[in-house]
Amino acid sequence: MTPEGRVRHAEEGAATLEFALLTLFFFLSALLALDVASYYVQRSQLAEAVSAGSMSAFANRTAVPFQTLPTYIQNAARLPSAPQVSIGCNGSVSGCVNTGRSCACLSKTGGYASATCGSSCPAGSTPNSTAGYYLQITASSQYRAMVLPRGMLNGMPIVQSVTVRLE
């Protein structure tokens, strides 16, 4: 075989090899993009569920179903595993009641200071606010990858929280 023939013969498989490598790179990139998109979908589902729970609590603010609210949020999330949901009122994790509520002022740093219901909040609180009864909902879940089971986002925490003034 002549030298020109050898070169021509050696180049015949080059296009196939390039195509195979580029296809592999394309599919890996596509799988990574699907994994990232799946993370954002799960985060959005959790945010929507927390939002729905807060709207439900606000709509029923005189008789909030505190015992069933976590289950409502878990079901609304539609995630592969049920999220952990915690509910607190005025900064207390287990102090939510529908009657005999105590009020507080919400500070700029996210803390709560006891105050008389309806009174003006002091400096350091949210500007021009009055004392009220605040419900905090926090939901958290671990991201579960659907495409790349050992992907870089797998096991990443997803946390969504909201504070709603009920009174």
N, C-alpha and C. Protein backbone atom coordinates (compact mmCIF):
# COMPACT_ATOMS: atom_id res chain seq x y z
N MET A 1 0.85 -1.17 0.00
CA MET A 1 0.00 0.00 0.00
C MET A 1 0.89 1.24 0.00
N THR A 2 0.52 2.23 -0.75
CA THR A 2 1.31 3.46 -0.87
C THR A 2 1.12 4.32 0.38
N PRO A 3 2.03 5.24 0.67
CA PRO A 3 1.88 6.11 1.83
C PRO A 3 0.59 6.91 1.80
N GLU A 4 0.16 7.36 0.60
CA GLU A 4 -1.09 8.11 0.52
C GLU A 4 -2.28 7.22 0.89
N GLY A 5 -2.22 5.97 0.51
CA GLY A 5 -3.30 5.02 0.81
C GLY A 5 -3.39 4.73 2.31
N ARG A 6 -2.23 4.63 2.97
CA ARG A 6 -2.22 4.39 4.41
C ARG A 6 -2.86 5.56 5.17
N VAL A 7 -2.53 6.79 4.76
CA VAL A 7 -3.09 7.97 5.42
C VAL A 7 -4.60 8.01 5.21
N ARG A 8 -5.02 7.73 3.97
CA ARG A 8 -6.45 7.73 3.67
C ARG A 8 -7.15 6.65 4.49
N HIS A 9 -6.56 5.48 4.64
CA HIS A 9 -7.14 4.37 5.39
C HIS A 9 -7.20 4.72 6.89
N ALA A 10 -6.20 5.41 7.43
CA ALA A 10 -6.15 5.77 8.84
C ALA A 10 -7.19 6.84 9.18
N GLU A 11 -7.56 7.68 8.22
CA GLU A 11 -8.51 8.76 8.47
C GLU A 11 -9.96 8.32 8.33
N GLU A 12 -10.22 7.13 7.80
CA GLU A 12 -11.59 6.68 7.58
C GLU A 12 -12.39 6.57 8.88
N GLY A 13 -11.81 6.14 9.94
CA GLY A 13 -12.52 5.99 11.21
C GLY A 13 -12.50 7.22 12.09
N ALA A 14 -11.79 8.26 11.69
CA ALA A 14 -11.67 9.46 12.51
C ALA A 14 -13.02 10.15 12.71
N ALA A 15 -13.80 10.25 11.67
CA ALA A 15 -15.12 10.90 11.79
C ALA A 15 -16.03 10.12 12.72
N THR A 16 -15.98 8.81 12.63
CA THR A 16 -16.79 7.96 13.51
C THR A 16 -16.37 8.14 14.96
N LEU A 17 -15.09 8.17 15.21
CA LEU A 17 -14.58 8.37 16.56
C LEU A 17 -14.96 9.76 17.10
N GLU A 18 -14.82 10.78 16.29
CA GLU A 18 -15.21 12.13 16.71
C GLU A 18 -16.70 12.19 17.03
N PHE A 19 -17.52 11.56 16.17
CA PHE A 19 -18.96 11.53 16.40
C PHE A 19 -19.28 10.83 17.71
N ALA A 20 -18.64 9.71 17.98
CA ALA A 20 -18.89 8.96 19.21
C ALA A 20 -18.52 9.78 20.45
N LEU A 21 -17.38 10.45 20.41
CA LEU A 21 -16.96 11.27 21.55
C LEU A 21 -17.88 12.47 21.76
N LEU A 22 -18.25 13.14 20.68
CA LEU A 22 -19.16 14.28 20.80
C LEU A 22 -20.55 13.86 21.27
N THR A 23 -21.02 12.70 20.81
CA THR A 23 -22.32 12.20 21.25
C THR A 23 -22.29 11.88 22.74
N LEU A 24 -21.22 11.27 23.20
CA LEU A 24 -21.07 10.96 24.62
C LEU A 24 -21.08 12.25 25.44
N PHE A 25 -20.33 13.24 25.01
CA PHE A 25 -20.30 14.54 25.71
C PHE A 25 -21.68 15.19 25.71
N PHE A 26 -22.37 15.13 24.58
CA PHE A 26 -23.71 15.72 24.48
C PHE A 26 -24.67 15.04 25.46
N PHE A 27 -24.69 13.71 25.50
CA PHE A 27 -25.60 13.01 26.39
C PHE A 27 -25.28 13.24 27.86
N LEU A 28 -24.02 13.29 28.22
CA LEU A 28 -23.65 13.59 29.61
C LEU A 28 -24.09 15.01 29.99
N SER A 29 -23.93 15.95 29.08
CA SER A 29 -24.38 17.33 29.33
C SER A 29 -25.89 17.38 29.47
N ALA A 30 -26.59 16.65 28.63
CA ALA A 30 -28.06 16.61 28.69
C ALA A 30 -28.53 16.00 30.00
N LEU A 31 -27.89 14.92 30.45
CA LEU A 31 -28.27 14.30 31.72
C LEU A 31 -28.01 15.24 32.90
N LEU A 32 -26.90 15.94 32.87
CA LEU A 32 -26.61 16.91 33.92
C LEU A 32 -27.65 18.03 33.92
N ALA A 33 -28.03 18.52 32.75
CA ALA A 33 -29.05 19.57 32.65
C ALA A 33 -30.39 19.07 33.18
N LEU A 34 -30.74 17.82 32.89
CA LEU A 34 -31.99 17.26 33.41
C LEU A 34 -31.95 17.14 34.92
N ASP A 35 -30.79 16.78 35.46
CA ASP A 35 -30.64 16.66 36.91
C ASP A 35 -30.80 18.02 37.59
N VAL A 36 -30.19 19.05 37.04
CA VAL A 36 -30.32 20.40 37.61
C VAL A 36 -31.76 20.88 37.49
N ALA A 37 -32.40 20.62 36.35
CA ALA A 37 -33.80 21.01 36.18
C ALA A 37 -34.69 20.28 37.17
N SER A 38 -34.41 19.02 37.42
CA SER A 38 -35.19 18.24 38.39
C SER A 38 -35.06 18.82 39.80
N TYR A 39 -33.87 19.28 40.15
CA TYR A 39 -33.66 19.93 41.45
C TYR A 39 -34.55 21.16 41.58
N TYR A 40 -34.56 22.00 40.54
CA TYR A 40 -35.37 23.21 40.59
C TYR A 40 -36.87 22.91 40.58
N VAL A 41 -37.28 21.84 39.93
CA VAL A 41 -38.69 21.44 39.95
C VAL A 41 -39.08 21.02 41.36
N GLN A 42 -38.24 20.20 42.02
CA GLN A 42 -38.55 19.77 43.38
C GLN A 42 -38.56 20.95 44.34
N ARG A 43 -37.63 21.89 44.17
CA ARG A 43 -37.61 23.09 45.01
C ARG A 43 -38.88 23.91 44.80
N SER A 44 -39.32 24.02 43.57
CA SER A 44 -40.53 24.76 43.25
C SER A 44 -41.77 24.08 43.84
N GLN A 45 -41.81 22.75 43.78
CA GLN A 45 -42.94 22.01 44.36
C GLN A 45 -43.02 22.24 45.87
N LEU A 46 -41.88 22.24 46.54
CA LEU A 46 -41.87 22.47 47.98
C LEU A 46 -42.30 23.90 48.30
N ALA A 47 -41.83 24.87 47.53
CA ALA A 47 -42.23 26.26 47.74
C ALA A 47 -43.73 26.44 47.53
N GLU A 48 -44.25 25.79 46.52
CA GLU A 48 -45.69 25.88 46.24
C GLU A 48 -46.50 25.27 47.38
N ALA A 49 -46.03 24.15 47.92
CA ALA A 49 -46.74 23.50 49.02
C ALA A 49 -46.73 24.36 50.28
N VAL A 50 -45.59 24.97 50.59
CA VAL A 50 -45.50 25.86 51.76
C VAL A 50 -46.41 27.08 51.56
N SER A 51 -46.42 27.60 50.36
CA SER A 51 -47.28 28.74 50.05
C SER A 51 -48.76 28.36 50.20
N ALA A 52 -49.13 27.19 49.71
CA ALA A 52 -50.52 26.73 49.84
C ALA A 52 -50.89 26.55 51.30
N GLY A 53 -49.96 26.02 52.10
CA GLY A 53 -50.21 25.87 53.53
C GLY A 53 -50.40 27.21 54.22
N SER A 54 -49.59 28.19 53.85
CA SER A 54 -49.72 29.51 54.47
C SER A 54 -51.03 30.19 54.07
N MET A 55 -51.44 30.02 52.83
CA MET A 55 -52.72 30.60 52.39
C MET A 55 -53.90 29.92 53.09
N SER A 56 -53.80 28.62 53.28
CA SER A 56 -54.85 27.89 53.99
C SER A 56 -54.94 28.35 55.44
N ALA A 57 -53.79 28.53 56.06
CA ALA A 57 -53.77 28.99 57.46
C ALA A 57 -54.34 30.40 57.56
N PHE A 58 -53.98 31.26 56.62
CA PHE A 58 -54.48 32.64 56.66
C PHE A 58 -55.99 32.67 56.40
N ALA A 59 -56.47 31.85 55.48
CA ALA A 59 -57.91 31.81 55.19
C ALA A 59 -58.71 31.32 56.39
N ASN A 60 -58.11 30.47 57.22
CA ASN A 60 -58.77 29.94 58.42
C ASN A 60 -58.11 30.47 59.68
N ARG A 61 -57.70 31.74 59.67
CA ARG A 61 -56.85 32.28 60.74
C ARG A 61 -57.48 32.25 62.12
N THR A 62 -58.80 32.19 62.24
CA THR A 62 -59.40 32.11 63.57
C THR A 62 -59.43 30.68 64.09
N ALA A 63 -59.35 29.71 63.20
CA ALA A 63 -59.36 28.29 63.60
C ALA A 63 -58.40 27.50 62.71
N VAL A 64 -57.12 27.80 62.82
CA VAL A 64 -56.10 27.13 62.00
C VAL A 64 -55.97 25.67 62.43
N PRO A 65 -56.03 24.74 61.48
CA PRO A 65 -55.86 23.32 61.83
C PRO A 65 -54.37 22.98 61.99
N PHE A 66 -53.78 23.38 63.11
CA PHE A 66 -52.34 23.21 63.31
C PHE A 66 -51.89 21.75 63.25
N GLN A 67 -52.76 20.81 63.68
CA GLN A 67 -52.37 19.40 63.70
C GLN A 67 -52.32 18.80 62.29
N THR A 68 -53.20 19.24 61.40
CA THR A 68 -53.25 18.64 60.07
C THR A 68 -52.48 19.46 59.02
N LEU A 69 -52.03 20.63 59.37
CA LEU A 69 -51.32 21.49 58.42
C LEU A 69 -50.03 20.84 57.88
N PRO A 70 -49.21 20.19 58.72
CA PRO A 70 -48.01 19.53 58.17
C PRO A 70 -48.33 18.46 57.13
N THR A 71 -49.37 17.65 57.38
CA THR A 71 -49.77 16.61 56.44
C THR A 71 -50.27 17.23 55.14
N TYR A 72 -51.01 18.32 55.26
CA TYR A 72 -51.49 19.04 54.08
C TYR A 72 -50.32 19.49 53.21
N ILE A 73 -49.30 20.04 53.83
CA ILE A 73 -48.12 20.54 53.10
C ILE A 73 -47.35 19.37 52.49
N GLN A 74 -47.20 18.29 53.23
CA GLN A 74 -46.49 17.11 52.71
C GLN A 74 -47.20 16.55 51.48
N ASN A 75 -48.52 16.47 51.54
CA ASN A 75 -49.27 15.94 50.40
C ASN A 75 -49.24 16.90 49.21
N ALA A 76 -49.27 18.20 49.48
CA ALA A 76 -49.26 19.19 48.41
C ALA A 76 -47.90 19.24 47.71
N ALA A 77 -46.83 18.86 48.39
CA ALA A 77 -45.48 18.93 47.81
C ALA A 77 -45.29 17.93 46.68
N ARG A 78 -45.92 16.77 46.75
CA ARG A 78 -45.79 15.73 45.71
C ARG A 78 -44.32 15.42 45.39
N LEU A 79 -43.51 15.25 46.43
CA LEU A 79 -42.09 14.93 46.26
C LEU A 79 -41.88 13.43 46.40
N PRO A 80 -40.74 12.91 45.93
CA PRO A 80 -40.47 11.47 46.05
C PRO A 80 -40.51 10.98 47.50
N SER A 81 -40.09 11.81 48.46
CA SER A 81 -40.22 11.46 49.87
C SER A 81 -40.82 12.67 50.58
N ALA A 82 -41.67 12.40 51.55
CA ALA A 82 -42.40 13.48 52.24
C ALA A 82 -41.42 14.41 52.95
N PRO A 83 -41.60 15.71 52.80
CA PRO A 83 -40.71 16.66 53.48
C PRO A 83 -41.00 16.73 54.97
N GLN A 84 -40.01 17.17 55.73
CA GLN A 84 -40.19 17.43 57.16
C GLN A 84 -40.80 18.83 57.29
N VAL A 85 -41.89 18.94 58.02
CA VAL A 85 -42.57 20.22 58.17
C VAL A 85 -42.63 20.58 59.64
N SER A 86 -42.19 21.80 59.96
CA SER A 86 -42.32 22.27 61.33
C SER A 86 -43.15 23.55 61.32
N ILE A 87 -43.95 23.69 62.37
CA ILE A 87 -44.83 24.85 62.50
C ILE A 87 -44.59 25.46 63.86
N GLY A 88 -44.47 26.77 63.89
CA GLY A 88 -44.28 27.49 65.14
C GLY A 88 -45.05 28.79 65.10
N CYS A 89 -45.28 29.34 66.28
CA CYS A 89 -45.99 30.60 66.38
C CYS A 89 -45.22 31.54 67.29
N ASN A 90 -45.03 32.77 66.84
CA ASN A 90 -44.30 33.80 67.59
C ASN A 90 -42.94 33.32 68.07
N GLY A 91 -42.27 32.52 67.26
CA GLY A 91 -40.93 32.05 67.59
C GLY A 91 -40.89 30.80 68.45
N SER A 92 -42.03 30.31 68.89
CA SER A 92 -42.09 29.09 69.70
C SER A 92 -42.49 27.92 68.80
N VAL A 93 -41.78 26.81 68.91
CA VAL A 93 -42.02 25.68 68.02
C VAL A 93 -43.34 24.99 68.30
N SER A 94 -43.76 24.93 69.54
CA SER A 94 -44.98 24.17 69.84
C SER A 94 -46.07 25.01 70.49
N GLY A 95 -46.02 26.32 70.32
CA GLY A 95 -46.96 27.17 71.04
C GLY A 95 -48.13 27.68 70.23
N CYS A 96 -48.54 26.99 69.20
CA CYS A 96 -49.63 27.48 68.36
C CYS A 96 -50.99 27.16 68.95
N VAL A 97 -51.82 28.18 69.09
CA VAL A 97 -53.17 28.03 69.63
C VAL A 97 -54.13 28.88 68.82
N ASN A 98 -55.41 28.56 68.94
CA ASN A 98 -56.43 29.35 68.25
C ASN A 98 -57.15 30.31 69.19
N THR A 99 -57.09 30.06 70.49
CA THR A 99 -57.73 30.96 71.46
C THR A 99 -56.68 31.40 72.47
N GLY A 100 -56.86 32.59 73.01
CA GLY A 100 -55.92 33.10 74.02
C GLY A 100 -54.54 33.32 73.45
N ARG A 101 -54.46 33.82 72.25
CA ARG A 101 -53.17 34.03 71.61
C ARG A 101 -52.42 35.20 72.23
N SER A 102 -51.12 35.03 72.36
CA SER A 102 -50.27 36.13 72.79
C SER A 102 -49.65 36.75 71.54
N CYS A 103 -49.35 38.02 71.59
CA CYS A 103 -48.83 38.70 70.41
C CYS A 103 -47.34 39.00 70.58
N ALA A 104 -46.72 39.32 69.46
CA ALA A 104 -45.30 39.64 69.45
C ALA A 104 -45.01 40.60 68.31
N CYS A 105 -43.85 41.23 68.39
CA CYS A 105 -43.37 42.08 67.31
C CYS A 105 -42.25 41.34 66.59
N LEU A 106 -42.27 41.41 65.30
CA LEU A 106 -41.26 40.76 64.47
C LEU A 106 -40.12 41.73 64.26
N SER A 107 -38.91 41.33 64.68
CA SER A 107 -37.75 42.21 64.55
C SER A 107 -37.18 42.14 63.15
N LYS A 108 -36.33 43.08 62.82
CA LYS A 108 -35.69 43.10 61.50
C LYS A 108 -34.77 41.91 61.29
N THR A 109 -34.29 41.32 62.39
CA THR A 109 -33.38 40.17 62.29
C THR A 109 -34.11 38.84 62.28
N GLY A 110 -35.45 38.86 62.37
CA GLY A 110 -36.23 37.63 62.33
C GLY A 110 -36.62 37.10 63.69
N GLY A 111 -36.25 37.78 64.76
CA GLY A 111 -36.64 37.36 66.11
C GLY A 111 -38.00 37.92 66.49
N TYR A 112 -38.48 37.51 67.66
CA TYR A 112 -39.77 37.96 68.14
C TYR A 112 -39.63 38.53 69.54
N ALA A 113 -40.37 39.60 69.82
CA ALA A 113 -40.40 40.20 71.14
C ALA A 113 -41.84 40.29 71.59
N SER A 114 -42.14 39.78 72.78
CA SER A 114 -43.52 39.82 73.30
C SER A 114 -44.02 41.25 73.37
N ALA A 115 -45.29 41.41 73.04
CA ALA A 115 -45.91 42.74 73.07
C ALA A 115 -47.42 42.57 73.22
N THR A 116 -48.09 43.65 73.60
CA THR A 116 -49.53 43.64 73.73
C THR A 116 -50.15 43.68 72.33
N CYS A 117 -51.13 42.84 72.11
CA CYS A 117 -51.78 42.77 70.80
C CYS A 117 -52.29 44.14 70.36
N GLY A 118 -51.98 44.51 69.15
CA GLY A 118 -52.44 45.77 68.57
C GLY A 118 -51.58 46.98 68.92
N SER A 119 -50.60 46.82 69.82
CA SER A 119 -49.76 47.96 70.18
C SER A 119 -48.69 48.18 69.12
N SER A 120 -48.16 49.39 69.06
CA SER A 120 -47.09 49.71 68.11
C SER A 120 -45.82 49.00 68.53
N CYS A 121 -45.12 48.51 67.55
CA CYS A 121 -43.85 47.81 67.83
C CYS A 121 -42.74 48.83 68.02
N PRO A 122 -41.77 48.53 68.91
CA PRO A 122 -40.68 49.47 69.19
C PRO A 122 -39.65 49.51 68.06
N ALA A 123 -38.71 50.41 68.20
CA ALA A 123 -37.61 50.52 67.23
C ALA A 123 -36.87 49.18 67.15
N GLY A 124 -36.39 48.85 66.00
CA GLY A 124 -35.71 47.56 65.80
C GLY A 124 -36.65 46.51 65.24
N SER A 125 -37.95 46.83 65.23
CA SER A 125 -38.94 45.93 64.64
C SER A 125 -39.22 46.37 63.22
N THR A 126 -40.06 45.61 62.56
CA THR A 126 -40.47 45.98 61.21
C THR A 126 -41.10 47.37 61.27
N PRO A 127 -40.69 48.30 60.41
CA PRO A 127 -41.18 49.68 60.47
C PRO A 127 -42.70 49.79 60.38
N ASN A 128 -43.27 50.67 61.21
CA ASN A 128 -44.70 50.97 61.22
C ASN A 128 -45.58 49.74 61.43
N SER A 129 -45.14 48.80 62.24
CA SER A 129 -45.93 47.59 62.45
C SER A 129 -46.54 47.59 63.85
N THR A 130 -47.55 46.75 64.00
CA THR A 130 -48.19 46.54 65.30
C THR A 130 -48.00 45.09 65.69
N ALA A 131 -48.07 44.82 66.97
CA ALA A 131 -47.88 43.46 67.48
C ALA A 131 -48.97 42.54 66.93
N GLY A 132 -48.59 41.34 66.59
CA GLY A 132 -49.54 40.38 66.04
C GLY A 132 -49.17 38.95 66.38
N TYR A 133 -49.93 38.03 65.84
CA TYR A 133 -49.71 36.61 66.06
C TYR A 133 -49.15 36.03 64.76
N TYR A 134 -47.91 35.55 64.80
CA TYR A 134 -47.20 35.10 63.60
C TYR A 134 -47.07 33.59 63.56
N LEU A 135 -47.35 33.03 62.40
CA LEU A 135 -47.19 31.60 62.15
C LEU A 135 -45.99 31.41 61.22
N GLN A 136 -45.08 30.53 61.61
CA GLN A 136 -43.93 30.20 60.76
C GLN A 136 -44.06 28.75 60.30
N ILE A 137 -43.92 28.56 59.01
CA ILE A 137 -43.93 27.22 58.43
C ILE A 137 -42.59 27.00 57.75
N THR A 138 -41.92 25.90 58.10
CA THR A 138 -40.65 25.55 57.47
C THR A 138 -40.75 24.10 57.00
N ALA A 139 -40.44 23.89 55.74
CA ALA A 139 -40.44 22.55 55.18
C ALA A 139 -39.07 22.27 54.58
N SER A 140 -38.56 21.08 54.81
CA SER A 140 -37.25 20.71 54.26
C SER A 140 -37.30 19.28 53.73
N SER A 141 -36.51 19.08 52.70
CA SER A 141 -36.42 17.78 52.06
C SER A 141 -35.03 17.64 51.47
N GLN A 142 -34.62 16.42 51.23
CA GLN A 142 -33.35 16.18 50.55
C GLN A 142 -33.64 15.91 49.09
N TYR A 143 -32.87 16.54 48.22
CA TYR A 143 -33.07 16.33 46.79
C TYR A 143 -32.74 14.90 46.44
N ARG A 144 -33.62 14.28 45.69
CA ARG A 144 -33.38 12.93 45.21
C ARG A 144 -33.30 12.97 43.69
N ALA A 145 -32.12 12.71 43.19
CA ALA A 145 -31.90 12.77 41.75
C ALA A 145 -32.70 11.70 41.04
N MET A 146 -33.29 12.07 39.93
CA MET A 146 -34.06 11.11 39.14
C MET A 146 -33.26 10.61 37.95
N VAL A 147 -32.30 11.40 37.48
CA VAL A 147 -31.55 11.05 36.29
C VAL A 147 -30.19 10.47 36.64
N LEU A 148 -29.39 11.22 37.37
CA LEU A 148 -28.05 10.77 37.77
C LEU A 148 -28.08 10.45 39.27
N PRO A 149 -28.29 9.19 39.64
CA PRO A 149 -28.44 8.84 41.05
C PRO A 149 -27.27 9.25 41.94
N ARG A 150 -26.09 9.33 41.38
CA ARG A 150 -24.93 9.76 42.17
C ARG A 150 -24.45 11.12 41.67
N GLY A 151 -25.40 11.93 41.21
CA GLY A 151 -25.07 13.24 40.66
C GLY A 151 -24.61 14.21 41.74
N MET A 152 -24.11 15.33 41.29
CA MET A 152 -23.54 16.31 42.21
C MET A 152 -24.58 16.95 43.12
N LEU A 153 -25.86 16.96 42.75
CA LEU A 153 -26.89 17.58 43.57
C LEU A 153 -27.61 16.60 44.49
N ASN A 154 -27.39 15.31 44.30
CA ASN A 154 -28.10 14.31 45.08
C ASN A 154 -27.81 14.47 46.57
N GLY A 155 -28.86 14.51 47.37
CA GLY A 155 -28.72 14.68 48.82
C GLY A 155 -28.66 16.12 49.26
N MET A 156 -28.72 17.05 48.33
CA MET A 156 -28.68 18.48 48.65
C MET A 156 -29.97 18.87 49.38
N PRO A 157 -29.87 19.64 50.47
CA PRO A 157 -31.10 20.03 51.18
C PRO A 157 -31.89 21.09 50.42
N ILE A 158 -33.20 20.95 50.46
CA ILE A 158 -34.12 21.95 49.91
C ILE A 158 -34.94 22.44 51.10
N VAL A 159 -34.87 23.73 51.37
CA VAL A 159 -35.59 24.30 52.51
C VAL A 159 -36.41 25.49 52.04
N GLN A 160 -37.66 25.51 52.43
CA GLN A 160 -38.56 26.63 52.12
C GLN A 160 -39.27 27.01 53.42
N SER A 161 -39.39 28.31 53.66
CA SER A 161 -40.09 28.75 54.87
C SER A 161 -40.87 30.02 54.58
N VAL A 162 -41.87 30.25 55.41
CA VAL A 162 -42.73 31.41 55.27
C VAL A 162 -43.22 31.84 56.65
N THR A 163 -43.43 33.13 56.81
CA THR A 163 -44.02 33.68 58.05
C THR A 163 -45.30 34.41 57.66
N VAL A 164 -46.39 34.08 58.35
CA VAL A 164 -47.70 34.66 58.06
C VAL A 164 -48.25 35.28 59.33
N ARG A 165 -48.74 36.50 59.21
CA ARG A 165 -49.40 37.15 60.35
C ARG A 165 -50.86 36.74 60.35
N LEU A 166 -51.29 36.08 61.43
CA LEU A 166 -52.66 35.60 61.53
C LEU A 166 -53.58 36.60 62.25
N GLU A 167 -53.00 37.40 63.11
CA GLU A 167 -53.83 38.33 63.90
C GLU A 167 -53.12 39.66 64.04
